[in-house]
């Protein structure tokens, strides 16, 4: 089900899934994304279906003993809307055995509300603390998002800790923006 990406050939199979599923502001340029494979805290997984075909991608950061940050989670278009993504997400939550944190866009339109609803149906809760995603590419600005967590909401102290670890490790940002 989860097969860690460790080489260029595997990376070439999953990067197009990221490009299709995420806006350019939420995915790194190809070389920068591939370079992350060398980072100890970063894991990129191919998601395999029951026929052993690549059906999605999951990118995580193990930043602390108490939580895992999902940077990207995407299912191939032909596998969407049939329960496969929810099944995979629930299996990952059980498999990792830690608090799970991810970023979501603000609920400004129907598609963004549906994405949030998907995560809510799988046990994630919205945290209302203001959160700005640092730029993933040169020339981009901070992107207003929110953190969702599973299995429970986080308090302000945990939010501050998680945000700091995400900023410093995922984005290599050491500023003080909220």
Protein backbone atom coordinates (compact mmCIF):
# COMPACT_ATOMS: atom_id res chain seq x y z
CA UNK A 1 0.00 0.00 0.00
CA UNK A 2 2.69 2.55 1.01
CA UNK A 3 5.96 2.14 -0.87
CA UNK A 4 8.66 4.67 -0.05
CA UNK A 5 10.06 6.52 -3.06
CA UNK A 6 13.83 6.14 -3.04
CA UNK A 7 14.98 6.65 -6.63
CA UNK A 8 14.50 8.84 -9.69
CA UNK A 9 12.33 6.35 -11.56
CA UNK A 10 9.83 6.13 -8.68
CA UNK A 11 9.92 9.90 -8.22
CA UNK A 12 9.12 10.40 -11.92
CA UNK A 13 5.98 8.31 -11.41
CA UNK A 14 4.62 10.33 -8.49
CA UNK A 15 5.63 13.94 -9.20
CA UNK A 16 3.03 14.34 -12.00
CA UNK A 17 0.35 13.35 -9.47
CA UNK A 18 1.44 16.25 -7.25
CA UNK A 19 1.43 18.64 -10.21
CA UNK A 20 -2.09 17.61 -11.19
CA UNK A 21 -3.55 17.66 -7.69
CA UNK A 22 -2.09 20.87 -6.25
CA UNK A 23 -1.91 24.48 -7.38
CA UNK A 24 1.60 25.70 -8.23
CA UNK A 25 1.68 27.68 -4.96
CA UNK A 26 1.46 24.42 -2.99
CA UNK A 27 4.07 22.24 -4.70
CA UNK A 28 7.79 22.75 -5.18
CA UNK A 29 9.57 22.79 -8.48
CA UNK A 30 10.54 19.29 -9.54
CA UNK A 31 14.24 19.44 -8.59
CA UNK A 32 13.51 20.97 -5.20
CA UNK A 33 10.87 18.33 -4.45
CA UNK A 34 13.20 15.51 -5.47
CA UNK A 35 16.04 16.93 -3.35
CA UNK A 36 13.85 16.42 -0.26
CA UNK A 37 14.35 12.66 -0.61
CA UNK A 38 17.77 13.22 0.99
CA UNK A 39 16.28 14.77 4.14
CA UNK A 40 16.08 12.41 7.12
CA UNK A 41 12.67 13.68 8.30
CA UNK A 42 11.01 13.56 4.87
CA UNK A 43 9.25 10.53 3.42
CA UNK A 44 7.59 10.31 0.01
CA UNK A 45 5.37 7.30 -0.61
CA UNK A 46 3.76 5.84 -3.68
CA UNK A 47 0.28 4.65 -2.86
CA UNK A 48 -0.39 1.34 -4.55
CA UNK A 49 -3.80 -0.10 -5.35
CA UNK A 50 -4.81 -3.77 -5.16
CA UNK A 51 -3.27 -4.35 -8.62
CA UNK A 52 0.06 -2.89 -7.47
CA UNK A 53 -0.39 0.17 -9.71
CA UNK A 54 0.52 3.66 -8.52
CA UNK A 55 -2.76 5.22 -7.40
CA UNK A 56 -1.57 8.20 -5.39
CA UNK A 57 1.15 9.91 -3.40
CA UNK A 58 1.73 10.77 0.25
CA UNK A 59 4.50 13.10 1.44
CA UNK A 60 5.13 13.36 5.17
CA UNK A 61 7.57 14.91 7.60
CA UNK A 62 8.38 13.24 10.91
CA UNK A 63 9.25 16.39 12.85
CA UNK A 64 8.74 15.33 16.47
CA UNK A 65 7.87 12.28 18.52
CA UNK A 66 4.28 13.45 18.98
CA UNK A 67 3.20 14.30 15.43
CA UNK A 68 3.55 13.69 11.71
CA UNK A 69 2.96 16.47 9.19
CA UNK A 70 1.33 15.55 5.88
CA UNK A 71 2.74 17.87 3.25
CA UNK A 72 0.93 16.29 0.29
CA UNK A 73 -1.75 13.66 -0.09
CA UNK A 74 -3.23 13.03 -3.52
CA UNK A 75 -5.06 10.22 -5.23
CA UNK A 76 -4.99 9.77 -9.02
CA UNK A 77 -8.11 11.23 -10.65
CA UNK A 78 -9.43 7.85 -11.80
CA UNK A 79 -9.35 6.55 -8.19
CA UNK A 80 -11.17 9.55 -6.64
CA UNK A 81 -14.74 9.65 -5.32
CA UNK A 82 -14.99 5.94 -4.64
CA UNK A 83 -13.75 5.75 -1.06
CA UNK A 84 -10.15 4.79 -1.92
CA UNK A 85 -8.64 8.07 -0.66
CA UNK A 86 -10.52 7.89 2.63
CA UNK A 87 -9.46 4.29 3.12
CA UNK A 88 -5.81 5.18 2.47
CA UNK A 89 -5.95 8.17 4.83
CA UNK A 90 -7.45 6.08 7.63
CA UNK A 91 -4.86 3.35 7.11
CA UNK A 92 -2.08 5.94 7.28
CA UNK A 93 -3.45 7.41 10.52
CA UNK A 94 -3.50 3.94 12.10
CA UNK A 95 -0.08 3.05 10.69
CA UNK A 96 1.72 6.17 11.93
CA UNK A 97 0.18 6.08 15.43
CA UNK A 98 0.81 9.79 16.11
CA UNK A 99 -1.04 13.08 15.92
CA UNK A 100 -1.41 13.98 12.25
CA UNK A 101 -1.22 17.59 11.07
CA UNK A 102 -1.95 18.99 7.62
CA UNK A 103 -2.64 22.32 5.94
CA UNK A 104 -5.87 23.16 4.15
CA UNK A 105 -7.00 26.13 2.14
CA UNK A 106 -9.54 28.49 3.66
CA UNK A 107 -13.16 27.43 2.94
CA UNK A 108 -13.69 30.11 0.29
CA UNK A 109 -15.40 28.08 -2.44
CA UNK A 110 -17.20 24.76 -2.92
CA UNK A 111 -14.09 22.78 -3.90
CA UNK A 112 -12.14 23.96 -0.85
CA UNK A 113 -15.13 23.23 1.39
CA UNK A 114 -15.36 19.72 -0.08
CA UNK A 115 -11.67 19.10 0.64
CA UNK A 116 -12.12 20.23 4.24
CA UNK A 117 -15.24 18.04 4.50
CA UNK A 118 -13.23 15.04 3.28
CA UNK A 119 -10.71 15.48 6.08
CA UNK A 120 -13.46 16.10 8.65
CA UNK A 121 -15.17 12.84 7.64
CA UNK A 122 -11.89 11.10 8.46
CA UNK A 123 -11.48 12.55 11.92
CA UNK A 124 -9.59 15.78 11.26
CA UNK A 125 -10.54 18.92 13.12
CA UNK A 126 -10.00 22.52 12.03
CA UNK A 127 -7.83 24.71 14.23
CA UNK A 128 -8.75 28.37 14.03
CA UNK A 129 -5.31 29.84 14.66
CA UNK A 130 -4.12 32.09 11.83
CA UNK A 131 -1.58 30.24 9.71
CA UNK A 132 0.43 31.39 6.73
CA UNK A 133 2.21 28.87 4.54
CA UNK A 134 5.67 30.21 3.63
CA UNK A 135 6.38 30.33 -0.11
CA UNK A 136 7.25 27.05 -1.79
CA UNK A 137 8.81 28.77 -4.80
CA UNK A 138 10.80 31.95 -5.32
CA UNK A 139 8.67 34.99 -6.00
CA UNK A 140 5.60 33.67 -4.20
CA UNK A 141 4.00 35.23 -1.16
CA UNK A 142 2.74 33.65 2.05
CA UNK A 143 -0.48 31.71 1.54
CA UNK A 144 -3.26 31.90 4.17
CA UNK A 145 -4.21 28.37 5.22
CA UNK A 146 -5.37 26.56 8.36
CA UNK A 147 -4.01 23.53 10.19
CA UNK A 148 -6.23 20.51 10.63
CA UNK A 149 -5.29 17.85 13.16
CA UNK A 150 -6.26 14.29 13.97
CA UNK A 151 -7.37 12.96 16.43
CA UNK A 152 -8.10 16.22 18.29
CA UNK A 153 -7.79 19.98 18.08
CA UNK A 154 -4.58 21.44 19.44
CA UNK A 155 -4.17 24.20 21.99
CA UNK A 156 -2.26 27.38 21.26
CA UNK A 157 0.96 26.06 22.80
CA UNK A 158 0.91 22.94 20.58
CA UNK A 159 -0.04 25.06 17.56
CA UNK A 160 2.97 27.33 18.16
CA UNK A 161 5.27 24.31 18.50
CA UNK A 162 3.92 22.58 15.39
CA UNK A 163 4.03 25.77 13.31
CA UNK A 164 7.63 26.46 14.35
CA UNK A 165 8.76 22.93 13.44
CA UNK A 166 6.90 23.03 10.12
CA UNK A 167 8.27 26.47 9.23
CA UNK A 168 11.87 25.59 10.08
CA UNK A 169 11.99 22.08 8.60
CA UNK A 170 9.51 22.00 5.74
CA UNK A 171 9.94 25.55 4.47
CA UNK A 172 13.37 26.47 5.92
CA UNK A 173 11.69 29.65 7.17
CA UNK A 174 12.94 31.15 10.42
CA UNK A 175 10.87 34.36 10.55
CA UNK A 176 8.11 35.33 12.90
CA UNK A 177 5.04 35.46 10.62
CA UNK A 178 1.94 33.79 11.99
